[in-house]
Amino acid sequence: MCSSLVTRQMPEFKLDAYDPVSGKYITVCSDDYKGKWLTVCFYPGDFTFV
């Protein structure tokens, strides 16, 4: 059975993300998106054993 997280409040987070505009890694956190809709997609790094 599948459960949906749609309409639930996201947990607090802080992580590094790649910014393709600057070509650098930046830190993003949940506070950056307060009051906005957000979809978070992630996957293990390329060429890892997962």
N, C-alpha and C. Protein backbone atom coordinates (compact mmCIF):
# COMPACT_ATOMS: atom_id res chain seq x y z
N MET A 1 0.84 -1.18 0.00
CA MET A 1 0.00 0.00 0.00
C MET A 1 0.89 1.24 0.00
N CYS A 2 0.49 2.24 -0.71
CA CYS A 2 1.26 3.46 -0.87
C CYS A 2 0.69 4.56 0.03
N SER A 3 1.56 5.29 0.71
CA SER A 3 1.08 6.42 1.50
C SER A 3 1.65 7.70 0.90
N SER A 4 0.87 8.74 0.93
CA SER A 4 1.26 10.00 0.33
C SER A 4 1.66 11.01 1.39
N LEU A 5 2.66 11.81 1.09
CA LEU A 5 3.07 12.87 1.99
C LEU A 5 2.56 14.22 1.51
N VAL A 6 1.72 14.21 0.48
CA VAL A 6 1.15 15.44 -0.05
C VAL A 6 0.32 16.10 1.04
N THR A 7 0.44 17.39 1.15
CA THR A 7 -0.22 18.26 2.13
C THR A 7 0.36 18.15 3.54
N ARG A 8 1.34 17.32 3.77
CA ARG A 8 1.98 17.25 5.08
C ARG A 8 3.10 18.27 5.15
N GLN A 9 3.35 18.76 6.35
CA GLN A 9 4.43 19.72 6.53
C GLN A 9 5.77 18.98 6.43
N MET A 10 6.71 19.57 5.72
CA MET A 10 7.99 18.89 5.55
C MET A 10 8.82 19.01 6.83
N PRO A 11 9.66 18.01 7.10
CA PRO A 11 10.54 18.10 8.26
C PRO A 11 11.66 19.12 8.00
N GLU A 12 12.26 19.61 9.05
CA GLU A 12 13.37 20.54 8.89
C GLU A 12 14.57 19.79 8.32
N PHE A 13 15.30 20.44 7.42
CA PHE A 13 16.49 19.83 6.82
C PHE A 13 17.49 20.90 6.46
N LYS A 14 18.72 20.47 6.29
CA LYS A 14 19.81 21.33 5.82
C LYS A 14 20.77 20.41 5.07
N LEU A 15 21.05 20.75 3.80
CA LEU A 15 21.90 19.88 3.00
C LEU A 15 22.60 20.65 1.90
N ASP A 16 23.61 20.02 1.33
CA ASP A 16 24.34 20.61 0.21
C ASP A 16 23.63 20.24 -1.09
N ALA A 17 23.57 21.19 -2.02
CA ALA A 17 22.93 20.96 -3.31
C ALA A 17 23.76 21.64 -4.39
N TYR A 18 23.72 21.07 -5.57
CA TYR A 18 24.46 21.65 -6.70
C TYR A 18 23.61 22.73 -7.36
N ASP A 19 24.20 23.89 -7.54
CA ASP A 19 23.54 25.01 -8.23
C ASP A 19 24.10 25.09 -9.65
N PRO A 20 23.33 24.68 -10.66
CA PRO A 20 23.85 24.68 -12.02
C PRO A 20 24.12 26.08 -12.57
N VAL A 21 23.49 27.10 -12.02
CA VAL A 21 23.71 28.46 -12.50
C VAL A 21 25.11 28.93 -12.14
N SER A 22 25.51 28.72 -10.87
CA SER A 22 26.84 29.17 -10.43
C SER A 22 27.90 28.10 -10.66
N GLY A 23 27.46 26.84 -10.82
CA GLY A 23 28.42 25.74 -10.97
C GLY A 23 29.07 25.34 -9.67
N LYS A 24 28.46 25.73 -8.55
CA LYS A 24 29.03 25.44 -7.22
C LYS A 24 27.99 24.74 -6.36
N TYR A 25 28.46 24.15 -5.26
CA TYR A 25 27.56 23.57 -4.27
C TYR A 25 27.15 24.65 -3.29
N ILE A 26 25.87 24.65 -2.93
CA ILE A 26 25.34 25.61 -1.97
C ILE A 26 24.63 24.84 -0.86
N THR A 27 24.37 25.49 0.24
CA THR A 27 23.61 24.89 1.32
C THR A 27 22.17 25.37 1.24
N VAL A 28 21.24 24.44 1.24
CA VAL A 28 19.82 24.78 1.26
C VAL A 28 19.21 24.20 2.53
N CYS A 29 18.20 24.87 3.04
CA CYS A 29 17.52 24.36 4.24
C CYS A 29 16.03 24.61 4.12
N SER A 30 15.29 23.95 4.98
CA SER A 30 13.83 24.05 4.93
C SER A 30 13.35 25.47 5.15
N ASP A 31 14.10 26.28 5.89
CA ASP A 31 13.69 27.67 6.12
C ASP A 31 13.65 28.48 4.82
N ASP A 32 14.43 28.08 3.82
CA ASP A 32 14.45 28.78 2.53
C ASP A 32 13.10 28.66 1.81
N TYR A 33 12.29 27.67 2.19
CA TYR A 33 11.06 27.38 1.47
C TYR A 33 9.81 27.52 2.32
N LYS A 34 9.91 28.16 3.47
CA LYS A 34 8.74 28.35 4.34
C LYS A 34 7.65 29.10 3.57
N GLY A 35 6.42 28.60 3.65
CA GLY A 35 5.29 29.24 2.98
C GLY A 35 5.19 28.97 1.50
N LYS A 36 6.03 28.08 0.97
CA LYS A 36 6.01 27.77 -0.46
C LYS A 36 5.75 26.28 -0.65
N TRP A 37 5.20 25.93 -1.80
CA TRP A 37 5.07 24.52 -2.16
C TRP A 37 6.43 24.03 -2.63
N LEU A 38 6.75 22.79 -2.30
CA LEU A 38 8.07 22.25 -2.64
C LEU A 38 7.98 20.76 -2.93
N THR A 39 8.67 20.35 -3.96
CA THR A 39 8.84 18.93 -4.24
C THR A 39 10.32 18.62 -4.11
N VAL A 40 10.65 17.65 -3.28
CA VAL A 40 12.05 17.28 -3.06
C VAL A 40 12.29 15.91 -3.68
N CYS A 41 13.20 15.85 -4.61
CA CYS A 41 13.58 14.59 -5.25
C CYS A 41 15.07 14.36 -5.01
N PHE A 42 15.43 13.16 -4.67
CA PHE A 42 16.85 12.87 -4.46
C PHE A 42 17.11 11.41 -4.81
N TYR A 43 18.36 11.11 -5.05
CA TYR A 43 18.78 9.75 -5.33
C TYR A 43 20.23 9.61 -4.91
N PRO A 44 20.70 8.38 -4.71
CA PRO A 44 22.11 8.17 -4.36
C PRO A 44 23.02 8.69 -5.47
N GLY A 45 24.22 9.03 -5.13
CA GLY A 45 25.16 9.55 -6.11
C GLY A 45 25.38 8.58 -7.27
N ASP A 46 25.64 9.13 -8.43
CA ASP A 46 25.91 8.29 -9.59
C ASP A 46 27.11 7.38 -9.33
N PHE A 47 27.03 6.22 -9.88
CA PHE A 47 28.10 5.22 -9.82
C PHE A 47 28.36 4.71 -8.40
N THR A 48 27.35 4.77 -7.52
CA THR A 48 27.50 4.16 -6.20
C THR A 48 26.90 2.76 -6.25
N PHE A 49 27.11 2.00 -5.19
CA PHE A 49 26.64 0.62 -5.18
C PHE A 49 25.13 0.48 -5.01
N VAL A 50 24.44 1.56 -4.66
CA VAL A 50 23.00 1.48 -4.41
C VAL A 50 22.22 1.37 -5.70
